[in-house]
C-alpha atoms as a PDB file:
ATOM      1  CA  MET A   1       4.646  -0.949  -2.973  1.00  0.00           C
ATOM      2  CA  ASP A   2       6.699  -3.463  -1.025  1.00  0.00           C
ATOM      3  CA  THR A   3       8.002  -3.533   2.532  1.00  0.00           C
ATOM      4  CA  GLN A   4      11.385  -2.095   1.528  1.00  0.00           C
ATOM      5  CA  LYS A   5       9.708   0.925  -0.080  1.00  0.00           C
ATOM      6  CA  VAL A   6       7.570   1.524   3.015  1.00  0.00           C
ATOM      7  CA  LYS A   7      10.639   1.444   5.258  1.00  0.00           C
ATOM      8  CA  GLY A   8      12.523   3.621   2.791  1.00  0.00           C
ATOM      9  CA  ALA A   9       9.717   6.182   2.799  1.00  0.00           C
ATOM     10  CA  LEU A  10       9.693   6.295   6.603  1.00  0.00           C
ATOM     11  CA  ASP A  11      13.493   6.664   6.682  1.00  0.00           C
ATOM     12  CA  TRP A  12      13.328   9.494   4.140  1.00  0.00           C
ATOM     13  CA  LEU A  13      10.648  11.298   6.149  1.00  0.00           C
ATOM     14  CA  SER A  14      12.749  10.960   9.291  1.00  0.00           C
ATOM     15  CA  LYS A  15      16.028  12.105   7.696  1.00  0.00           C
ATOM     16  CA  ASN A  16      14.401  15.131   6.093  1.00  0.00           C
ATOM     17  CA  GLY A  17      12.700  16.388   9.238  1.00  0.00           C
ATOM     18  CA  TYR A  18       9.151  15.464   8.249  1.00  0.00           C
ATOM     19  CA  MET A  19       8.523  12.880  10.955  1.00  0.00           C
ATOM     20  CA  PRO A  20       6.189  14.156  13.658  1.00  0.00           C
ATOM     21  CA  GLU A  21       7.318  13.714  17.231  1.00  0.00           C
ATOM     22  CA  ASP A  22       3.916  12.327  18.190  1.00  0.00           C
ATOM     23  CA  TRP A  23       4.253   8.504  18.112  1.00  0.00           C
ATOM     24  CA  GLU A  24       0.536   8.091  17.499  1.00  0.00           C
ATOM     25  CA  THR A  25       0.937   9.962  14.216  1.00  0.00           C
ATOM     26  CA  VAL A  26       4.035   7.929  13.294  1.00  0.00           C
ATOM     27  CA  GLU A  27       2.110   4.695  13.914  1.00  0.00           C
ATOM     28  CA  TYR A  28      -0.749   5.979  11.754  1.00  0.00           C
ATOM     29  CA  ILE A  29       1.610   6.887   8.903  1.00  0.00           C
ATOM     30  CA  THR A  30       3.230   3.438   9.141  1.00  0.00           C
ATOM     31  CA  GLU A  31      -0.177   1.726   9.092  1.00  0.00           C
ATOM     32  CA  VAL A  32      -1.295   3.697   6.040  1.00  0.00           C
ATOM     33  CA  LEU A  33       1.920   2.960   4.138  1.00  0.00           C
ATOM     34  CA  GLU A  34       1.798  -0.736   5.043  1.00  0.00           C
ATOM     35  CA  LYS A  35      -1.735  -0.967   3.638  1.00  0.00           C
ATOM     36  CA  GLN A  36      -0.221  -0.168   0.243  1.00  0.00           C
ATOM     37  CA  ILE A  37       1.554  -3.544   0.312  1.00  0.00           C
ATOM     38  CA  PRO A  38      -0.869  -5.951  -1.437  1.00  0.00           C
ATOM     39  CA  LYS A  39      -2.000  -8.937   0.637  1.00  0.00           C
ATOM     40  CA  GLU A  40      -4.050 -11.925  -0.451  1.00  0.00           C
ATOM     41  CA  PRO A  41      -7.636 -12.044   0.810  1.00  0.00           C
ATOM     42  CA  VAL A  42      -8.551 -14.523   3.521  1.00  0.00           C
ATOM     43  CA  GLU A  43     -11.544 -16.840   3.298  1.00  0.00           C
ATOM     44  CA  ASP A  44     -14.243 -16.889   5.958  1.00  0.00           C
ATOM     45  CA  GLU A  45     -16.319 -19.889   7.051  1.00  0.00           C
ATOM     46  CA  TYR A  46     -18.829 -19.232   4.229  1.00  0.00           C
ATOM     47  CA  GLY A  47     -16.216 -19.164   1.468  1.00  0.00           C
ATOM     48  CA  HIS A  48     -16.327 -15.387   1.071  1.00  0.00           C
ATOM     49  CA  LYS A  49     -13.062 -13.582   0.312  1.00  0.00           C
ATOM     50  CA  CYS A  50     -12.330 -11.052   3.055  1.00  0.00           C
ATOM     51  CA  CYS A  51      -9.831  -8.283   3.619  1.00  0.00           C
ATOM     52  CA  PRO A  52      -6.812  -9.597   5.564  1.00  0.00           C
ATOM     53  CA  ALA A  53      -6.565  -6.312   7.502  1.00  0.00           C
ATOM     54  CA  CYS A  54     -10.145  -5.658   8.646  1.00  0.00           C
ATOM     55  CA  GLY A  55     -12.180  -8.756   7.713  1.00  0.00           C
ATOM     56  CA  TRP A  56     -14.549  -6.840   5.391  1.00  0.00           C
ATOM     57  CA  VAL A  57     -16.156  -9.125   2.785  1.00  0.00           C
ATOM     58  CA  ILE A  58     -14.692  -8.122  -0.583  1.00  0.00           C
ATOM     59  CA  LEU A  59     -16.024 -10.982  -2.720  1.00  0.00           C
ATOM     60  CA  LEU A  60     -19.119 -13.039  -1.893  1.00  0.00           C
ATOM     61  CA  ASN A  61     -18.920 -16.728  -2.769  1.00  0.00           C
ATOM     62  CA  GLY A  62     -21.379 -17.338  -5.620  1.00  0.00           C
ATOM     63  CA  VAL A  63     -23.559 -14.336  -4.761  1.00  0.00           C
ATOM     64  CA  GLN A  64     -22.131 -11.453  -6.726  1.00  0.00           C
ATOM     65  CA  GLU A  65     -20.349 -11.189 -10.010  1.00  0.00           C
ATOM     66  CA  GLU A  66     -16.646 -11.627  -9.591  1.00  0.00           C
ATOM     67  CA  ARG A  67     -15.404  -8.111  -9.072  1.00  0.00           C
ATOM     68  CA  PHE A  68     -11.774  -8.027  -8.091  1.00  0.00           C
ATOM     69  CA  THR A  69     -11.245  -4.701  -6.361  1.00  0.00           C
ATOM     70  CA  PRO A  70      -7.640  -3.503  -6.034  1.00  0.00           C
ATOM     71  CA  HIS A  71      -8.276  -2.185  -2.497  1.00  0.00           C
ATOM     72  CA  CYS A  72     -10.629  -2.975   0.376  1.00  0.00           C
ATOM     73  CA  GLU A  73     -13.566  -0.561   0.269  1.00  0.00           C
ATOM     74  CA  ASN A  74     -13.642  -0.434   4.078  1.00  0.00           C
ATOM     75  CA  CYS A  75     -10.017   0.153   5.162  1.00  0.00           C
ATOM     76  CA  GLY A  76      -8.015   0.713   1.956  1.00  0.00           C
ATOM     77  CA  GLN A  77      -5.792  -2.386   2.228  1.00  0.00           C
ATOM     78  CA  ALA A  78      -4.284  -3.242  -1.175  1.00  0.00           C
ATOM     79  CA  ILE A  79      -5.504  -6.671  -2.313  1.00  0.00           C
ATOM     80  CA  GLU A  80      -3.407  -9.225  -4.216  1.00  0.00           C
ATOM     81  CA  TRP A  81      -5.546 -11.401  -6.477  1.00  0.00           C
ATOM     82  CA  SER A  82      -3.215 -14.220  -7.439  1.00  0.00           C
ATOM     83  CA  ASP A  83      -5.798 -16.630  -8.905  1.00  0.00           C
END
């Protein structure tokens, strides 16, 4: 899912009367939809690959078998493995 699709989904919800009036809920929905847009992992000071959204270690450098998960196990952020 890309940014355009996320915005399109929010527009559709709004136009069809499904958007809650509570801004906290709207922000939550936006956050959840944006996590479906894959982002490349970031590297910490130890060379571990971490989730760009929450910092959770998703691939340990040289410690575990390479296991490329499609989403962060902690927050659900979609991960883009470009290598």
